[in-house]
Protein backbone atom coordinates (compact mmCIF):
# COMPACT_ATOMS: atom_id res chain seq x y z
CA UNK A 1 -0.03 -0.36 0.03
CA UNK A 2 1.11 3.74 -0.88
CA UNK A 3 1.86 5.91 1.52
CA UNK A 4 1.30 9.14 0.52
CA UNK A 5 3.25 12.14 1.61
CA UNK A 6 1.84 15.60 2.85
CA UNK A 7 2.73 18.25 0.49
CA UNK A 8 4.76 21.11 2.01
CA UNK A 9 3.27 24.57 1.89
CA UNK A 10 5.30 26.85 -0.78
CA UNK A 11 6.19 30.09 0.36
CA UNK A 12 4.34 32.71 -1.44
CA UNK A 13 6.45 34.35 -4.27
CA UNK A 14 5.56 37.76 -2.78
CA UNK A 15 6.26 37.04 0.54
CA UNK A 16 9.65 35.36 -0.52
CA UNK A 17 10.32 38.32 -2.37
CA UNK A 18 9.34 40.84 0.38
CA UNK A 19 11.55 38.94 2.89
CA UNK A 20 14.49 38.70 0.41
CA UNK A 21 14.27 42.73 -0.32
CA UNK A 22 13.88 43.71 3.69
CA UNK A 23 16.87 41.82 4.13
CA UNK A 24 18.76 43.81 1.22
CA UNK A 25 17.19 47.08 2.36
CA UNK A 26 18.32 46.59 5.80
CA UNK A 27 21.82 46.14 5.04
CA UNK A 28 21.98 48.71 2.51
CA UNK A 29 20.04 51.52 4.82
CA UNK A 30 23.28 50.23 7.42
CA UNK A 31 25.91 50.86 5.32
CA UNK A 32 24.40 54.37 4.46
CA UNK A 33 24.09 55.60 7.58
CA UNK A 34 27.55 54.38 8.33
CA UNK A 35 28.77 56.22 5.05
CA UNK A 36 27.22 59.32 5.96
CA UNK A 37 27.75 59.29 9.60
CA UNK A 38 30.80 62.00 9.01
CA UNK A 39 28.42 64.21 7.51
CA UNK A 40 27.49 66.21 10.69
CA UNK A 41 29.82 69.22 9.59
CA UNK A 42 29.04 69.30 5.67
CA UNK A 43 26.56 70.18 3.53
CA UNK A 44 23.99 70.85 4.01
CA UNK A 45 23.26 69.81 8.07
CA UNK A 46 26.45 72.13 9.10
CA UNK A 47 24.38 75.27 7.32
CA UNK A 48 21.35 73.97 8.85
CA UNK A 49 23.12 74.03 12.07
CA UNK A 50 24.62 76.93 12.15
CA UNK A 51 21.49 78.76 10.95
CA UNK A 52 19.69 77.23 14.55
CA UNK A 53 22.44 78.22 16.29
CA UNK A 54 22.58 81.63 15.10
CA UNK A 55 18.92 82.27 15.40
CA UNK A 56 19.44 80.67 19.17
CA UNK A 57 21.68 83.70 20.33
CA UNK A 58 19.63 85.73 19.06
CA UNK A 59 21.02 86.61 15.62
CA UNK A 60 19.00 86.95 12.43
CA UNK A 61 20.01 84.46 9.70
CA UNK A 62 18.04 86.18 7.17
CA UNK A 63 20.09 89.26 7.09
CA UNK A 64 23.27 87.99 9.13
CA UNK A 65 24.62 87.03 5.99
CA UNK A 66 26.94 84.42 7.58
CA UNK A 67 27.89 80.90 7.11
CA UNK A 68 28.38 79.21 3.36
CA UNK A 69 25.01 80.58 2.02
CA UNK A 70 25.89 83.86 3.04
CA UNK A 71 22.16 84.37 4.33
CA UNK A 72 19.07 81.70 4.52
CA UNK A 73 16.61 80.62 2.44
CA UNK A 74 14.16 78.27 4.64
CA UNK A 75 11.50 80.05 6.46
CA UNK A 76 11.52 81.41 9.77
CA UNK A 77 9.28 77.82 10.60
CA UNK A 78 12.15 75.56 9.92
CA UNK A 79 14.73 77.57 11.51
CA UNK A 80 12.95 78.76 14.80
CA UNK A 81 10.94 74.93 14.97
CA UNK A 82 14.30 73.30 14.87
CA UNK A 83 16.54 75.69 16.94
CA UNK A 84 16.28 73.47 19.68
CA UNK A 85 18.58 71.18 17.84
CA UNK A 86 21.33 73.87 18.34
CA UNK A 87 21.30 73.45 22.32
CA UNK A 88 23.22 69.77 21.82
CA UNK A 89 26.63 69.10 20.14
CA UNK A 90 26.46 68.85 15.97
CA UNK A 91 27.22 65.55 15.68
CA UNK A 92 24.16 64.05 18.59
CA UNK A 93 22.05 66.69 16.68
CA UNK A 94 22.99 65.24 13.27
CA UNK A 95 22.47 61.90 14.69
CA UNK A 96 18.45 62.86 16.08
CA UNK A 97 18.54 64.19 12.29
CA UNK A 98 19.01 61.37 10.74
CA UNK A 99 16.74 59.05 12.75
CA UNK A 100 13.76 61.62 12.26
CA UNK A 101 13.66 61.14 8.44
CA UNK A 102 14.25 57.26 8.40
CA UNK A 103 11.15 57.31 10.90
CA UNK A 104 9.50 59.42 8.60
CA UNK A 105 9.89 57.28 5.24
CA UNK A 106 8.67 54.14 7.12
CA UNK A 107 5.24 56.33 8.49
CA UNK A 108 4.94 57.72 4.84
CA UNK A 109 4.88 54.12 2.99
CA UNK A 110 2.91 52.77 5.94
CA UNK A 111 -0.12 55.94 5.60
CA UNK A 112 -0.23 55.27 1.26
CA UNK A 113 -0.33 51.95 1.91
CA UNK A 114 -3.16 51.59 4.20
CA UNK A 115 -5.12 55.01 2.77
CA UNK A 116 -5.15 53.02 -0.79
CA UNK A 117 -8.76 51.52 -1.35
CA UNK A 118 -8.60 48.37 -1.06
CA UNK A 119 -5.34 48.64 1.55
CA UNK A 120 -2.31 47.28 0.53
CA UNK A 121 -1.17 44.08 2.24
CA UNK A 122 2.12 42.87 4.06
CA UNK A 123 3.97 41.85 1.48
CA UNK A 124 3.65 44.89 -1.10
CA UNK A 125 3.77 47.33 1.63
CA UNK A 126 7.40 45.87 2.41
CA UNK A 127 8.46 45.27 -0.97
CA UNK A 128 7.39 48.93 -1.80
CA UNK A 129 9.39 50.21 1.44
CA UNK A 130 12.73 48.53 0.99
CA UNK A 131 12.27 50.03 -2.94
CA UNK A 132 12.18 53.58 -1.55
CA UNK A 133 14.57 52.98 1.38
CA UNK A 134 17.10 51.90 -1.65
CA UNK A 135 16.39 54.92 -3.65
CA UNK A 136 18.55 57.39 -4.82
CA UNK A 137 16.63 60.32 -3.86
CA UNK A 138 16.68 58.86 0.03
CA UNK A 139 20.04 58.71 -0.30
CA UNK A 140 20.50 61.75 -1.67
CA UNK A 141 18.21 62.77 1.25
CA UNK A 142 20.09 61.40 4.28
CA UNK A 143 23.36 62.82 2.36
CA UNK A 144 22.54 65.89 1.98
CA UNK A 145 20.29 65.96 5.55
CA UNK A 146 17.56 67.18 3.27
CA UNK A 147 13.89 67.24 5.18
CA UNK A 148 12.05 65.81 1.83
CA UNK A 149 11.12 62.40 4.25
CA UNK A 150 9.57 64.37 6.68
CA UNK A 151 7.69 66.35 3.73
CA UNK A 152 6.90 63.44 2.52
CA UNK A 153 5.48 62.16 5.68
CA UNK A 154 3.23 64.83 6.35
CA UNK A 155 1.58 65.23 2.85
CA UNK A 156 1.03 61.57 2.89
CA UNK A 157 -0.59 61.78 6.62
CA UNK A 158 -2.72 64.64 4.96
CA UNK A 159 -4.12 62.44 2.56
CA UNK A 160 -4.57 59.81 5.18
CA UNK A 161 -6.97 62.27 7.06
CA UNK A 162 -8.48 62.91 3.98
CA UNK A 163 -9.87 59.13 3.52
CA UNK A 164 -10.65 59.22 6.66
CA UNK A 165 -12.79 62.51 6.64
CA UNK A 166 -10.77 64.65 8.88
CA UNK A 167 -10.54 67.69 6.74
CA UNK A 168 -8.96 69.81 9.53
CA UNK A 169 -6.18 67.38 10.56
CA UNK A 170 -5.23 67.13 6.54
CA UNK A 171 -5.31 71.14 5.85
CA UNK A 172 -3.10 71.43 9.32
CA UNK A 173 -0.78 68.70 7.87
CA UNK A 174 -0.39 70.51 4.76
CA UNK A 175 0.13 73.96 5.99
CA UNK A 176 3.02 72.22 8.39
CA UNK A 177 4.71 71.11 5.55
CA UNK A 178 3.76 74.51 3.39
CA UNK A 179 5.76 76.69 6.53
CA UNK A 180 8.59 74.15 6.49
CA UNK A 181 9.21 74.43 3.04
CA UNK A 182 6.77 76.77 1.18
CA UNK A 183 6.34 74.36 -2.46
CA UNK A 184 4.03 71.93 -0.41
CA UNK A 185 1.61 74.64 -0.59
CA UNK A 186 0.74 73.61 -3.61
CA UNK A 187 -1.10 70.41 -2.85
CA UNK A 188 -3.39 73.15 -1.09
CA UNK A 189 -4.61 72.80 -4.76
CA UNK A 190 -5.87 69.21 -4.46
CA UNK A 191 -8.30 70.55 -1.58
CA UNK A 192 -9.57 73.64 -3.56
CA UNK A 193 -10.13 71.94 -7.04
CA UNK A 194 -12.12 68.92 -5.06
CA UNK A 195 -14.21 71.68 -3.44
CA UNK A 196 -13.04 70.38 0.23
CA UNK A 197 -13.39 73.84 1.67
CA UNK A 198 -12.82 72.89 5.09
CA UNK A 199 -9.58 71.38 4.76
CA UNK A 200 -8.79 74.22 2.22
CA UNK A 201 -9.65 77.02 5.19
CA UNK A 202 -7.78 75.04 7.47
CA UNK A 203 -4.51 75.38 5.46
CA UNK A 204 -5.07 78.83 4.95
CA UNK A 205 -5.80 79.53 8.57
CA UNK A 206 -2.89 77.73 9.98
CA UNK A 207 -0.48 78.91 7.56
CA UNK A 208 -1.63 82.32 8.43
CA UNK A 209 -1.19 81.87 11.81
CA UNK A 210 2.38 79.99 11.62
CA UNK A 211 3.48 83.50 9.27
CA UNK A 212 2.33 85.68 12.43
CA UNK A 213 3.63 83.57 15.37
CA UNK A 214 7.05 83.51 13.72
CA UNK A 215 7.20 86.98 12.98
CA UNK A 216 5.74 88.01 9.63
CA UNK A 217 9.17 90.41 9.38
CA UNK A 218 11.08 87.39 9.20
CA UNK A 219 8.93 86.14 6.47
CA UNK A 220 9.61 89.51 4.68
CA UNK A 221 13.47 88.99 4.89
CA UNK A 222 13.17 85.55 3.36
CA UNK A 223 11.15 87.11 0.76
CA UNK A 224 13.44 89.80 0.42
CA UNK A 225 16.78 88.26 1.05
CA UNK A 226 16.29 84.30 1.02
CA UNK A 227 14.18 83.52 -2.53
CA UNK A 228 17.13 85.35 -4.17
CA UNK A 229 19.54 83.04 -3.36
CA UNK A 230 17.26 79.97 -3.91
CA UNK A 231 16.72 82.06 -7.77
CA UNK A 232 20.52 81.65 -7.89
CA UNK A 233 20.78 78.06 -6.98
CA UNK A 234 17.73 77.05 -9.09
CA UNK A 235 20.04 77.37 -11.89
CA UNK A 236 21.51 73.80 -10.84
CA UNK A 237 18.71 72.19 -10.04
CA UNK A 238 17.37 70.90 -13.57
CA UNK A 239 14.26 69.79 -12.01
CA UNK A 240 12.11 72.50 -11.79
CA UNK A 241 9.90 74.23 -14.45
CA UNK A 242 11.65 77.61 -13.70
CA UNK A 243 14.75 75.39 -14.26
CA UNK A 244 13.97 74.31 -17.71
CA UNK A 245 12.60 77.85 -18.37
CA UNK A 246 16.22 79.43 -17.78
CA UNK A 247 18.24 76.66 -19.78
CA UNK A 248 15.87 77.24 -22.58
CA UNK A 249 16.38 80.89 -22.67
CA UNK A 250 20.08 80.62 -22.30
CA UNK A 251 20.23 78.59 -25.03
CA UNK A 252 18.30 80.57 -27.53
CA UNK A 253 19.54 84.21 -26.58
CA UNK A 254 23.25 82.88 -25.37
CA UNK A 255 23.12 84.68 -22.32
CA UNK A 256 23.62 83.29 -18.84
CA UNK A 257 22.97 84.26 -15.14
CA UNK A 258 22.62 88.12 -14.33
CA UNK A 259 22.50 88.55 -18.16
CA UNK A 260 19.56 86.49 -18.90
CA UNK A 261 16.27 88.44 -20.09
CA UNK A 262 14.14 88.12 -16.62
CA UNK A 263 10.82 88.96 -18.60
CA UNK A 264 11.48 85.89 -20.78
CA UNK A 265 12.48 83.46 -18.10
CA UNK A 266 9.38 83.72 -15.86
CA UNK A 267 7.06 84.21 -18.56
CA UNK A 268 7.72 80.87 -19.69
CA UNK A 269 7.59 79.53 -16.47
CA UNK A 270 4.25 81.21 -16.14
CA UNK A 271 3.38 79.56 -18.94
CA UNK A 272 4.44 76.38 -18.61
CA UNK A 273 2.73 76.31 -15.06
CA UNK A 274 -0.59 77.81 -15.99
CA UNK A 275 -1.12 74.98 -18.70
CA UNK A 276 -0.20 72.21 -15.61
CA UNK A 277 -2.19 74.00 -13.34
CA UNK A 278 -5.28 73.92 -16.02
CA UNK A 279 -4.63 70.02 -16.41
CA UNK A 280 -4.34 69.07 -12.83
CA UNK A 281 -7.42 71.61 -11.80
CA UNK A 282 -9.63 69.75 -14.67
CA UNK A 283 -9.15 66.30 -13.99
CA UNK A 284 -9.57 67.16 -10.23
CA UNK A 285 -12.97 68.88 -11.37
CA UNK A 286 -14.01 65.86 -13.46
CA UNK A 287 -12.98 63.14 -10.79
CA UNK A 288 -14.59 64.52 -7.94
CA UNK A 289 -16.24 62.10 -5.45
CA UNK A 290 -14.44 59.27 -7.21
CA UNK A 291 -12.85 57.14 -3.59
CA UNK A 292 -10.70 54.94 -5.96
CA UNK A 293 -9.18 57.99 -7.81
CA UNK A 294 -8.41 60.12 -4.88
CA UNK A 295 -4.75 58.42 -4.49
CA UNK A 296 -3.73 59.09 -8.26
CA UNK A 297 -5.53 62.54 -7.75
CA UNK A 298 -3.48 63.49 -4.85
CA UNK A 299 -0.50 62.48 -5.90
CA UNK A 300 -0.63 64.11 -9.04
CA UNK A 301 -0.55 67.41 -7.63
CA UNK A 302 1.65 66.65 -5.11
CA UNK A 303 4.02 66.28 -8.49
CA UNK A 304 3.03 69.36 -9.55
CA UNK A 305 4.02 71.29 -6.36
CA UNK A 306 7.38 69.85 -7.12
CA UNK A 307 7.14 71.21 -11.02
CA UNK A 308 6.36 74.55 -9.61
CA UNK A 309 8.81 75.38 -7.13
CA UNK A 310 12.44 77.13 -7.54
CA UNK A 311 13.87 74.92 -4.59
CA UNK A 312 13.53 70.83 -5.88
CA UNK A 313 16.48 69.12 -5.96
CA UNK A 314 16.84 65.18 -6.85
CA UNK A 315 16.27 64.33 -3.46
CA UNK A 316 12.82 66.33 -3.46
CA UNK A 317 11.76 63.54 -5.73
CA UNK A 318 10.73 61.14 -2.86
CA UNK A 319 7.55 63.03 -2.87
CA UNK A 320 6.51 61.48 -6.07
CA UNK A 321 6.23 58.38 -4.40
CA UNK A 322 2.26 58.88 -4.09
CA UNK A 323 1.94 59.66 -7.92
CA UNK A 324 4.33 56.14 -8.66
CA UNK A 325 2.65 53.96 -6.59
CA UNK A 326 -0.98 54.95 -6.67
CA UNK A 327 -0.78 55.70 -10.11
CA UNK A 328 0.31 52.38 -10.73
CA UNK A 329 -2.42 50.30 -8.81
CA UNK A 330 -5.19 53.10 -10.79
CA UNK A 331 -3.54 51.96 -14.23
CA UNK A 332 -3.62 48.08 -13.10
CA UNK A 333 -7.39 47.94 -11.72
CA UNK A 334 -8.79 50.34 -14.23
CA UNK A 335 -7.45 47.68 -17.11
CA UNK A 336 -9.72 45.66 -19.09
CA UNK A 337 -7.78 42.73 -21.34
CA UNK A 338 -11.30 42.67 -23.77
CA UNK A 339 -11.07 46.46 -24.47
CA UNK A 340 -7.34 46.89 -26.19
CA UNK A 341 -7.89 50.26 -27.41
CA UNK A 342 -9.71 51.46 -24.58
CA UNK A 343 -5.93 50.69 -22.51
CA UNK A 344 -3.87 52.62 -24.62
CA UNK A 345 -3.99 55.46 -22.25
CA UNK A 346 -3.40 53.55 -19.23
CA UNK A 347 -0.46 51.47 -20.65
CA UNK A 348 1.20 54.69 -21.95
CA UNK A 349 0.77 56.41 -18.53
CA UNK A 350 1.62 53.24 -16.54
CA UNK A 351 4.99 52.95 -18.88
CA UNK A 352 6.00 56.67 -18.58
CA UNK A 353 5.73 56.23 -14.53
CA UNK A 354 7.72 52.84 -14.83
CA UNK A 355 10.34 54.38 -16.89
CA UNK A 356 11.00 57.38 -14.33
CA UNK A 357 11.02 55.03 -11.44
CA UNK A 358 13.99 52.95 -12.94
CA UNK A 359 16.37 56.14 -12.70
CA UNK A 360 15.38 56.06 -9.26
CA UNK A 361 16.43 52.55 -8.20
CA UNK A 362 19.13 52.15 -10.65
CA UNK A 363 22.20 54.28 -10.08
CA UNK A 364 23.83 53.25 -13.66
CA UNK A 365 21.00 54.77 -15.37
CA UNK A 366 21.84 58.83 -15.33
CA UNK A 367 18.88 61.06 -13.78
CA UNK A 368 17.12 63.09 -16.47
CA UNK A 369 15.90 65.30 -14.20
CA UNK A 370 13.21 67.72 -15.32
CA UNK A 371 11.86 65.46 -18.01
CA UNK A 372 11.90 62.75 -15.85
CA UNK A 373 9.62 65.03 -13.19
CA UNK A 374 7.39 66.36 -16.11
CA UNK A 375 6.65 62.97 -17.61
CA UNK A 376 6.18 61.40 -13.91
CA UNK A 377 3.24 64.12 -13.94
CA UNK A 378 2.10 63.69 -17.85
CA UNK A 379 1.78 59.89 -16.72
CA UNK A 380 -0.25 60.03 -13.62
CA UNK A 381 -2.63 62.50 -15.66
CA UNK A 382 -2.86 60.06 -18.46
CA UNK A 383 -3.96 57.49 -16.19
CA UNK A 384 -6.44 59.51 -14.22
CA UNK A 385 -7.91 60.63 -17.70
CA UNK A 386 -8.65 57.24 -18.97
CA UNK A 387 -10.40 56.13 -15.81
CA UNK A 388 -12.33 59.28 -15.76
CA UNK A 389 -13.59 58.39 -19.37
CA UNK A 390 -13.79 55.04 -18.59
CA UNK A 391 -16.80 55.76 -15.94
CA UNK A 392 -18.26 58.22 -18.69
CA UNK A 393 -18.51 55.61 -20.59
């Protein structure tokens, strides 16, 4: 008589992949933290620590013209809010700063995963988190001590609160992100054009309160002294609409730096910004009330906020996480095998997002800068447009 041997349960591919990626991501993160541990006295943390120290001692970082930047181009909330770190020695403050940024990445991914409809399972969440931890933008944010992970966590928390019908908390979180680095204020368009009036009002109210609490005179100094610094360094970012406009004017006029005609630079920037804003506004109005498209809609506004800012660098591309993840999920959920012609826009948008993700994960690929950011925005817009047309049919 033949004895049957019970079949062994096979580990699902998703769980096995998640476990492998988690181990690799943990090793990569540990190696990067060790590699960057000496950067407490290098750009950009040494600049931040100098501003905090100057403010804590009664100085004015926006007019004192001290340090490497010869001024401060960050907001009074950023300087005043983190100035207590100046009471610690620079090395300890740096370690706390880096730890907070890592925790913010974990928080952001978990919020996006849980806020999606339906929520992502454990294995997909671990895979996404592992890829983000190994990405170039996150490595750049750690190397340059930037607050992109913190901004991402605040914006993802705002979207999560929107999903849970908590407009006051959502508006508060977007306002906090904007008070730290200005450009996240563009995400408030998501509230405005989706007619979430309470969240929009809370965003404006909290931002205004933050300006009043931290002294409006310092904000005026930021505008008059800090933003010119931002404009000067924006030519090196090669990521935003403003940098693209400057390079285009330079190419056709043959002028550089201060010799460029400002009306041409700002005119071209305003024209492109208006076109991109019109696309986002129209799609938001059409997709209003679609819970399954709310995530990609939020990601679209986050990408637009990046495009319209003069301060964005490669490390800020972390804020494209909602557009990448929720955009690809929206394309997958909207795909109809029996309707090949109706899937063209979904496939094109998904392909654009996938191609944009590759340079962020594979260091061998040169980062294309502005074209990648624009393609990510347009890819998300294509998917969103296809899904809304599908509903109308």
